[in-house]
Structure formats: structure tokens, C-alpha cells
Amino acid sequence: MKILARVRYWLLLNSCRAAGALPTWVLYHCVQDFLYFIIYKVVHYRLNVVRNNLRNSFPEKTPEQLHEIERRFYRHLSEVVVDTVDLVNISRKELEDRIHFTNVDEVEAQMQGKDWIAALAHYGCWEYFGAYQLHTASQVIGVYRPLHEKSFDEYYLYMRSRFGLRPVPMHSLLRCIVRNRKCGQRQIVGLIADQTPPEPEINHWFDFLHQPTPFFLGAEKLALKFGMPVYVMKLNKVNRAHYEVSFHQIYDGKEPVDEFEITKRYAAELEKMICRSPELWMWSHRRWKHKPPVRMAVESREVSVCR
């Protein structure tokens, strides 16, 4: 990094360390409540995007119901900001208390000696996925896209790698997987797969939350190329900053499947999670900024799981 970027990184890291040193009740009540008021009531952070996304995703809900989801989403968003700050200070014991993996033994037994893919989403606090490294001898990999702002990029790299997770840029992932396999290192690849791909990369549309929706196909391509099973990470929020997490297999690494089938299964599982607790998904993303051309078919389902 250049000198100015290093200075910004140092200021950012130490500011977050100072904030993270506050008592937990101060962070998750006073600070979080203040952030909620600023983000939602003062700044109106991407409020029109959130409202439009909610209205299109849940046409069956009343305005009052949509407003309640909106309010709870901004409450959750403020908590995710606090989580991101707190993760630079949190101890191993505190982290293990925050996130309880309910089927670790089952997954580890199934995947003994195998590489596998954890398909994540911007749901709950996805940064807690790194805690799985505390429960496995495999190398947990967190795939990411480098940020333009180097100070923030370095901050996230530090935060994510504190407990052994290895952050790997998207463009280096294939080389990393091949290198690990050559040296016999088992690996778990964590991929956040619910963002919108660049328009030139879109070649299939799924019926998701009542709307034609493209998905990144990276998890599916890796699974088929390397014969890697795919698990969806499911989160259940039990309290502020506390989650129960389980992994649900959607592909075993061997099953013959049609093109796009693995991604279709991922989208269906994600939709179920969102419909169960809609406030936990990141509605402020411009998820539907691209629309399908008339000539391109959209894969449809007869009944939405939200009904």
C-alpha cells in the first residue's frame, strides 16, 4: 500500500479496535441503536432501493407488513456494522459463543478427506462463517473481490483471517485450489453467491422472489470441475449477534445434473431462508438492476415458497 493508504488503514483499524473494546452491552445497544437512527432515520441509506426491492419481492404483503420488514432490516443492518467492528477484537471464546454450528460432526464425517463448497449469502452476519475454521482441520477459504479502497480492503483481510480463514481473491481461486490439492491440503471454499453478476456474464435467469434474477455460477462451475459437494449455509438468528448455523447439502459432487441445476437449488434454499426471516437479507443491494432481454427465457416455478 502507499503511505496514505497505510495511514488510513492504521486509523481505521485502531478506531475499530477502540470501539470494539467497549462493553458488549454498549456496542449492541447504545452504539447499534445510534447507528440505526442515523442510517435509517437521518441518512435514509438506500431507502428507495430497499422499498422497491421489498415491494417487488412480496407483492402479497400489505404496506404495513412491508414497513415492518423495512424497519427490522435497518435494525439488523446496524447490527451487522457493529459485528464488523467487533470482529477485530473478539476472542475465540466469544466467537464460539456467538455462533453455534449445529451439524459440524455430521458434515465433517461426510466430507472426511474431501474438499467442499459452502454457498453463502448476504444473510445474517455472513462474516461469522470464518468461525468454522475453529472446527475443522481443512483450510477454510473465503473468496472475495478486492475493494478499490485499499485501507478498507486491508481491514477486511485482517478481520477475516484472525482465526485462520484464508482470504483468496476471486481471480486467484483456481490456482489456489489446484495448489492445495497438489500438496494434499483439504479445503472448504466459502462463496457468497447471491450478488448480481456483471451483465456480460449473465446467460441464465431464475424465478426468485417473484422476479427474473441472475446468479453467479461460480459455485456450480467449481463443483462440476473438481467434483466438490456443495452445502448451503443456513443461519437462524437466536439473539443479537448470536446465530445457529447448519449446512445443508444440495449437491454430492457425483450426481449427474443439468446445467444450472445446482444454482437453482441454491436459489430455492436462499428463498426459503429469506421468506422465513426477510429482515436478515441485504435488501439495500441493487439486486435487480439488470432485466432479462425478451429473447431470454426465465426458469419458472409453479408456486413460490413465500406463499
Protein backbone atom coordinates (compact mmCIF):
# COMPACT_ATOMS: atom_id res chain seq x y z
CA MET A 1 0.00 0.00 0.00
CA LYS A 2 1.02 3.60 -0.50
CA ILE A 3 1.82 5.71 2.55
CA LEU A 4 -1.55 7.49 2.65
CA ALA A 5 -3.42 4.20 2.31
CA ARG A 6 -1.35 2.74 5.16
CA VAL A 7 -2.18 5.72 7.34
CA ARG A 8 -5.90 5.35 6.56
CA TYR A 9 -5.70 1.63 7.32
CA TRP A 10 -3.95 2.27 10.64
CA LEU A 11 -6.56 4.85 11.63
CA LEU A 12 -9.44 2.58 10.58
CA LEU A 13 -8.08 -0.49 12.36
CA ASN A 14 -7.27 1.27 15.60
CA SER A 15 -10.54 3.19 15.63
CA CYS A 16 -12.42 -0.10 15.29
CA ARG A 17 -10.23 -1.68 17.97
CA ALA A 18 -11.07 1.18 20.31
CA ALA A 19 -14.78 0.89 19.56
CA GLY A 20 -14.62 -2.90 19.87
CA ALA A 21 -13.10 -2.56 23.33
CA LEU A 22 -16.36 -1.08 24.61
CA PRO A 23 -18.52 -3.40 26.74
CA THR A 24 -20.75 -5.66 24.68
CA TRP A 25 -23.94 -4.14 26.05
CA VAL A 26 -22.74 -0.68 24.97
CA LEU A 27 -21.88 -1.88 21.46
CA TYR A 28 -25.08 -3.82 20.86
CA HIS A 29 -27.47 -1.41 22.50
CA CYS A 30 -26.19 2.16 22.63
CA VAL A 31 -23.91 2.15 19.55
CA GLN A 32 -26.18 -0.05 17.46
CA ASP A 33 -29.28 1.98 18.33
CA PHE A 34 -27.44 5.19 17.43
CA LEU A 35 -26.33 3.73 14.08
CA TYR A 36 -29.88 2.58 13.37
CA PHE A 37 -31.19 6.09 13.96
CA ILE A 38 -28.52 7.66 11.70
CA ILE A 39 -28.68 5.10 8.87
CA TYR A 40 -32.46 4.81 8.76
CA LYS A 41 -33.95 7.99 10.14
CA VAL A 42 -31.34 10.60 9.17
CA VAL A 43 -29.38 9.41 6.13
CA HIS A 44 -32.16 7.19 4.69
CA TYR A 45 -29.46 4.86 3.38
CA ARG A 46 -30.68 3.43 0.05
CA LEU A 47 -34.22 3.63 1.36
CA ASN A 48 -35.81 3.77 -2.09
CA VAL A 49 -33.83 0.70 -3.18
CA VAL A 50 -34.94 -1.21 -0.08
CA ARG A 51 -38.59 -0.27 -0.50
CA ASN A 52 -38.64 -1.13 -4.19
CA ASN A 53 -36.96 -4.50 -3.59
CA LEU A 54 -39.36 -5.40 -0.79
CA ARG A 55 -42.45 -4.32 -2.73
CA ASN A 56 -41.47 -6.40 -5.78
CA SER A 57 -40.40 -9.42 -3.74
CA PHE A 58 -43.52 -9.59 -1.56
CA PRO A 59 -46.47 -8.37 -3.66
CA GLU A 60 -48.84 -10.26 -1.37
CA LYS A 61 -47.90 -8.24 1.74
CA THR A 62 -49.66 -5.13 2.94
CA PRO A 63 -47.88 -1.74 3.18
CA GLU A 64 -47.85 -2.14 6.96
CA GLN A 65 -46.17 -5.54 6.73
CA LEU A 66 -43.58 -4.23 4.27
CA HIS A 67 -42.83 -1.28 6.55
CA GLU A 68 -42.27 -3.63 9.47
CA ILE A 69 -39.77 -5.71 7.44
CA GLU A 70 -38.07 -2.48 6.35
CA ARG A 71 -37.73 -1.28 9.93
CA ARG A 72 -36.37 -4.61 11.14
CA PHE A 73 -33.95 -4.77 8.20
CA TYR A 74 -32.36 -1.44 9.15
CA ARG A 75 -32.14 -2.60 12.74
CA HIS A 76 -30.29 -5.69 11.51
CA LEU A 77 -28.10 -3.67 9.15
CA SER A 78 -26.89 -1.52 12.03
CA GLU A 79 -26.06 -4.71 13.94
CA VAL A 80 -24.01 -6.06 11.02
CA VAL A 81 -21.94 -2.85 11.08
CA VAL A 82 -21.28 -3.38 14.79
CA ASP A 83 -20.42 -7.05 14.13
CA THR A 84 -17.85 -5.99 11.55
CA VAL A 85 -16.22 -3.64 14.04
CA ASP A 86 -16.36 -6.12 16.91
CA LEU A 87 -14.71 -8.93 14.92
CA VAL A 88 -11.31 -7.20 15.10
CA ASN A 89 -11.31 -7.59 18.90
CA ILE A 90 -13.48 -10.61 19.64
CA SER A 91 -11.81 -13.55 21.40
CA ARG A 92 -12.06 -17.16 20.29
CA LYS A 93 -14.27 -17.98 23.26
CA GLU A 94 -16.62 -15.08 22.48
CA LEU A 95 -16.79 -16.07 18.82
CA GLU A 96 -17.65 -19.67 19.67
CA ASP A 97 -20.38 -18.34 21.96
CA ARG A 98 -21.77 -16.11 19.19
CA ILE A 99 -22.10 -18.78 16.51
CA HIS A 100 -23.14 -22.36 17.14
CA PHE A 101 -22.65 -24.81 14.27
CA THR A 102 -25.35 -27.41 14.83
CA ASN A 103 -24.16 -30.19 12.49
CA VAL A 104 -20.37 -29.91 12.41
CA ASP A 105 -19.80 -33.57 13.30
CA GLU A 106 -22.18 -34.74 10.60
CA VAL A 107 -20.61 -32.60 7.88
CA GLU A 108 -17.04 -33.41 8.92
CA ALA A 109 -17.86 -37.14 8.85
CA GLN A 110 -19.47 -36.87 5.41
CA MET A 111 -16.63 -34.80 3.99
CA GLN A 112 -13.70 -36.63 5.58
CA GLY A 113 -10.84 -36.37 3.10
CA LYS A 114 -12.91 -34.29 0.64
CA ASP A 115 -12.93 -30.69 -0.49
CA TRP A 116 -16.32 -28.98 -0.46
CA ILE A 117 -18.04 -25.68 -1.18
CA ALA A 118 -20.01 -23.61 1.32
CA ALA A 119 -22.53 -21.49 -0.62
CA LEU A 120 -23.13 -18.36 1.44
CA ALA A 121 -25.34 -15.30 1.07
CA HIS A 122 -25.57 -11.78 2.44
CA TYR A 123 -27.88 -13.12 5.11
CA GLY A 124 -27.48 -12.71 8.84
CA CYS A 125 -23.84 -11.95 9.59
CA TRP A 126 -22.03 -13.85 6.86
CA GLU A 127 -18.63 -12.83 8.28
CA TYR A 128 -19.16 -15.38 11.07
CA PHE A 129 -18.56 -18.14 8.51
CA GLY A 130 -14.84 -17.85 9.29
CA ALA A 131 -15.53 -19.37 12.71
CA TYR A 132 -15.89 -22.75 11.01
CA GLN A 133 -12.08 -22.84 10.85
CA LEU A 134 -12.14 -23.47 14.61
CA HIS A 135 -13.94 -26.80 14.00
CA THR A 136 -12.05 -28.36 11.10
CA ALA A 137 -8.57 -29.42 10.03
CA SER A 138 -9.36 -28.37 6.45
CA GLN A 139 -8.27 -24.95 5.24
CA VAL A 140 -11.30 -22.65 5.13
CA ILE A 141 -11.09 -20.26 2.18
CA GLY A 142 -13.09 -17.05 1.94
CA VAL A 143 -13.39 -15.92 -1.66
CA TYR A 144 -13.61 -12.15 -2.09
CA ARG A 145 -13.40 -9.36 -4.63
CA PRO A 146 -10.70 -6.82 -3.67
CA LEU A 147 -12.05 -3.38 -2.75
CA HIS A 148 -10.86 -0.28 -4.58
CA GLU A 149 -10.20 1.47 -1.29
CA LYS A 150 -7.02 -0.27 -0.09
CA SER A 151 -7.41 0.69 3.55
CA PHE A 152 -10.83 -1.00 3.78
CA ASP A 153 -9.54 -3.96 1.78
CA GLU A 154 -6.69 -4.48 4.25
CA TYR A 155 -9.07 -4.10 7.18
CA TYR A 156 -11.35 -6.85 5.90
CA LEU A 157 -8.39 -9.13 5.16
CA TYR A 158 -7.14 -8.71 8.72
CA MET A 159 -10.59 -9.19 10.28
CA ARG A 160 -11.40 -12.30 8.23
CA SER A 161 -8.08 -14.05 8.76
CA ARG A 162 -7.80 -13.64 12.56
CA PHE A 163 -8.91 -17.20 13.30
CA GLY A 164 -7.23 -18.97 10.40
CA LEU A 165 -9.57 -18.42 7.45
CA ARG A 166 -7.60 -17.71 4.29
CA PRO A 167 -9.00 -14.87 2.15
CA VAL A 168 -8.40 -15.56 -1.56
CA PRO A 169 -9.20 -13.10 -4.37
CA MET A 170 -11.63 -14.42 -6.95
CA HIS A 171 -9.05 -14.21 -9.74
CA SER A 172 -6.61 -16.42 -7.77
CA LEU A 173 -9.10 -19.07 -6.64
CA LEU A 174 -8.47 -21.73 -9.30
CA ARG A 175 -4.71 -21.60 -8.76
CA CYS A 176 -5.23 -21.81 -5.00
CA ILE A 177 -7.48 -24.89 -5.25
CA VAL A 178 -5.11 -26.71 -7.61
CA ARG A 179 -2.08 -25.86 -5.45
CA ASN A 180 -3.78 -27.08 -2.27
CA ARG A 181 -4.79 -30.33 -3.98
CA LYS A 182 -1.24 -30.97 -5.18
CA CYS A 183 0.13 -30.64 -1.66
CA GLY A 184 -2.70 -32.66 -0.09
CA GLN A 185 -4.32 -29.79 1.81
CA ARG A 186 -8.06 -30.35 2.21
CA GLN A 187 -10.12 -27.18 1.71
CA ILE A 188 -13.55 -25.67 2.24
CA VAL A 189 -14.35 -22.90 -0.24
CA GLY A 190 -16.77 -20.24 1.01
CA LEU A 191 -18.50 -18.41 -1.84
CA ILE A 192 -21.05 -15.61 -1.42
CA ALA A 193 -23.28 -16.37 -4.38
CA ASP A 194 -26.28 -14.03 -4.12
CA GLN A 195 -24.89 -10.88 -5.71
CA THR A 196 -25.68 -9.67 -9.21
CA PRO A 197 -23.11 -10.74 -11.81
CA PRO A 198 -21.87 -8.23 -14.40
CA GLU A 199 -24.26 -8.02 -17.34
CA PRO A 200 -21.86 -9.67 -19.86
CA GLU A 201 -21.65 -12.74 -17.59
CA ILE A 202 -25.43 -13.27 -17.39
CA ASN A 203 -26.66 -16.17 -19.51
CA HIS A 204 -29.48 -17.58 -17.38
CA TRP A 205 -32.34 -16.15 -15.32
CA PHE A 206 -34.10 -17.77 -12.38
CA ASP A 207 -37.53 -17.06 -10.91
CA PHE A 208 -36.51 -15.76 -7.48
CA LEU A 209 -38.77 -13.79 -5.15
CA HIS A 210 -41.28 -13.19 -7.95
CA GLN A 211 -38.65 -11.66 -10.23
CA PRO A 212 -36.31 -12.78 -13.05
CA THR A 213 -32.95 -12.95 -11.26
CA PRO A 214 -29.42 -13.78 -12.43
CA PHE A 215 -26.92 -15.50 -10.13
CA PHE A 216 -23.19 -16.01 -10.14
CA LEU A 217 -22.48 -19.53 -11.41
CA GLY A 218 -19.06 -19.85 -9.76
CA ALA A 219 -20.09 -22.41 -7.12
CA GLU A 220 -21.71 -24.62 -9.74
CA LYS A 221 -18.75 -24.42 -12.12
CA LEU A 222 -16.25 -25.25 -9.36
CA ALA A 223 -18.39 -28.13 -8.09
CA LEU A 224 -18.59 -29.72 -11.53
CA LYS A 225 -14.96 -29.06 -12.45
CA PHE A 226 -13.46 -30.52 -9.26
CA GLY A 227 -16.25 -32.89 -8.14
CA MET A 228 -16.81 -30.88 -4.96
CA PRO A 229 -20.01 -31.28 -2.91
CA VAL A 230 -21.96 -28.08 -2.27
CA TYR A 231 -23.58 -27.12 1.03
CA VAL A 232 -25.80 -24.09 1.65
CA MET A 233 -25.03 -22.30 4.91
CA LYS A 234 -28.29 -21.71 6.77
CA LEU A 235 -28.43 -19.20 9.61
CA ASN A 236 -31.02 -18.84 12.34
CA LYS A 237 -30.71 -15.72 14.47
CA VAL A 238 -31.37 -16.51 18.14
CA ASN A 239 -30.40 -13.16 19.69
CA ARG A 240 -28.42 -10.02 18.95
CA ALA A 241 -25.16 -11.16 17.29
CA HIS A 242 -25.93 -14.81 18.11
CA TYR A 243 -26.68 -17.41 15.44
CA GLU A 244 -27.27 -21.09 14.97
CA VAL A 245 -25.75 -22.32 11.71
CA SER A 246 -26.23 -25.55 9.80
CA PHE A 247 -25.01 -26.78 6.42
CA HIS A 248 -27.46 -28.41 4.01
CA GLN A 249 -26.08 -30.42 1.09
CA ILE A 250 -27.55 -29.59 -2.32
CA TYR A 251 -25.01 -31.47 -4.47
CA ASP A 252 -22.91 -34.52 -3.56
CA GLY A 253 -20.09 -33.99 -6.07
CA LYS A 254 -21.05 -37.00 -8.18
CA GLU A 255 -24.71 -36.69 -9.19
CA PRO A 256 -25.30 -36.05 -12.91
CA VAL A 257 -27.15 -32.74 -13.10
CA ASP A 258 -28.47 -30.48 -15.81
CA GLU A 259 -26.81 -27.14 -16.43
CA PHE A 260 -27.86 -24.52 -13.85
CA GLU A 261 -29.43 -27.17 -11.57
CA ILE A 262 -27.02 -26.61 -8.66
CA THR A 263 -27.55 -22.85 -8.79
CA LYS A 264 -31.31 -23.40 -8.99
CA ARG A 265 -31.17 -25.46 -5.78
CA TYR A 266 -29.10 -22.77 -4.08
CA ALA A 267 -31.60 -20.07 -5.09
CA ALA A 268 -34.50 -22.16 -3.77
CA GLU A 269 -32.82 -22.67 -0.38
CA LEU A 270 -31.95 -18.98 -0.14
CA GLU A 271 -35.53 -18.00 -0.93
CA LYS A 272 -36.76 -20.22 1.90
CA MET A 273 -34.40 -18.51 4.34
CA ILE A 274 -35.46 -15.06 3.19
CA CYS A 275 -39.16 -15.85 3.45
CA ARG A 276 -38.63 -17.19 6.98
CA SER A 277 -36.78 -14.09 8.24
CA PRO A 278 -36.77 -11.46 5.49
CA GLU A 279 -35.13 -8.76 7.61
CA LEU A 280 -31.86 -10.73 7.68
CA TRP A 281 -31.16 -10.39 3.93
CA MET A 282 -29.32 -7.39 2.50
CA TRP A 283 -32.19 -5.54 0.78
CA SER A 284 -30.04 -2.45 0.19
CA HIS A 285 -28.16 -4.19 -2.63
CA ARG A 286 -29.28 -3.21 -6.14
CA ARG A 287 -30.05 -6.86 -6.77
CA TRP A 288 -32.34 -6.42 -9.75
CA LYS A 289 -30.59 -3.66 -11.67
CA HIS A 290 -30.47 -5.83 -14.81
CA LYS A 291 -33.53 -7.06 -16.69
CA PRO A 292 -33.69 -10.10 -18.99
CA PRO A 293 -33.90 -9.47 -22.72
CA VAL A 294 -37.16 -10.56 -24.29
CA ARG A 295 -35.47 -13.41 -26.15
CA MET A 296 -34.03 -14.99 -22.97
CA ALA A 297 -36.22 -17.45 -21.09
CA VAL A 298 -36.69 -17.28 -17.34
CA GLU A 299 -36.80 -20.56 -15.44
CA SER A 300 -40.06 -20.54 -13.53
CA ARG A 301 -41.72 -22.40 -10.67
CA GLU A 302 -45.41 -23.05 -10.27
CA VAL A 303 -45.59 -21.91 -6.62
CA SER A 304 -43.38 -19.52 -4.70
CA VAL A 305 -42.16 -20.80 -1.34
CA CYS A 306 -43.19 -17.48 0.21
CA ARG A 307 -46.86 -18.22 -0.25
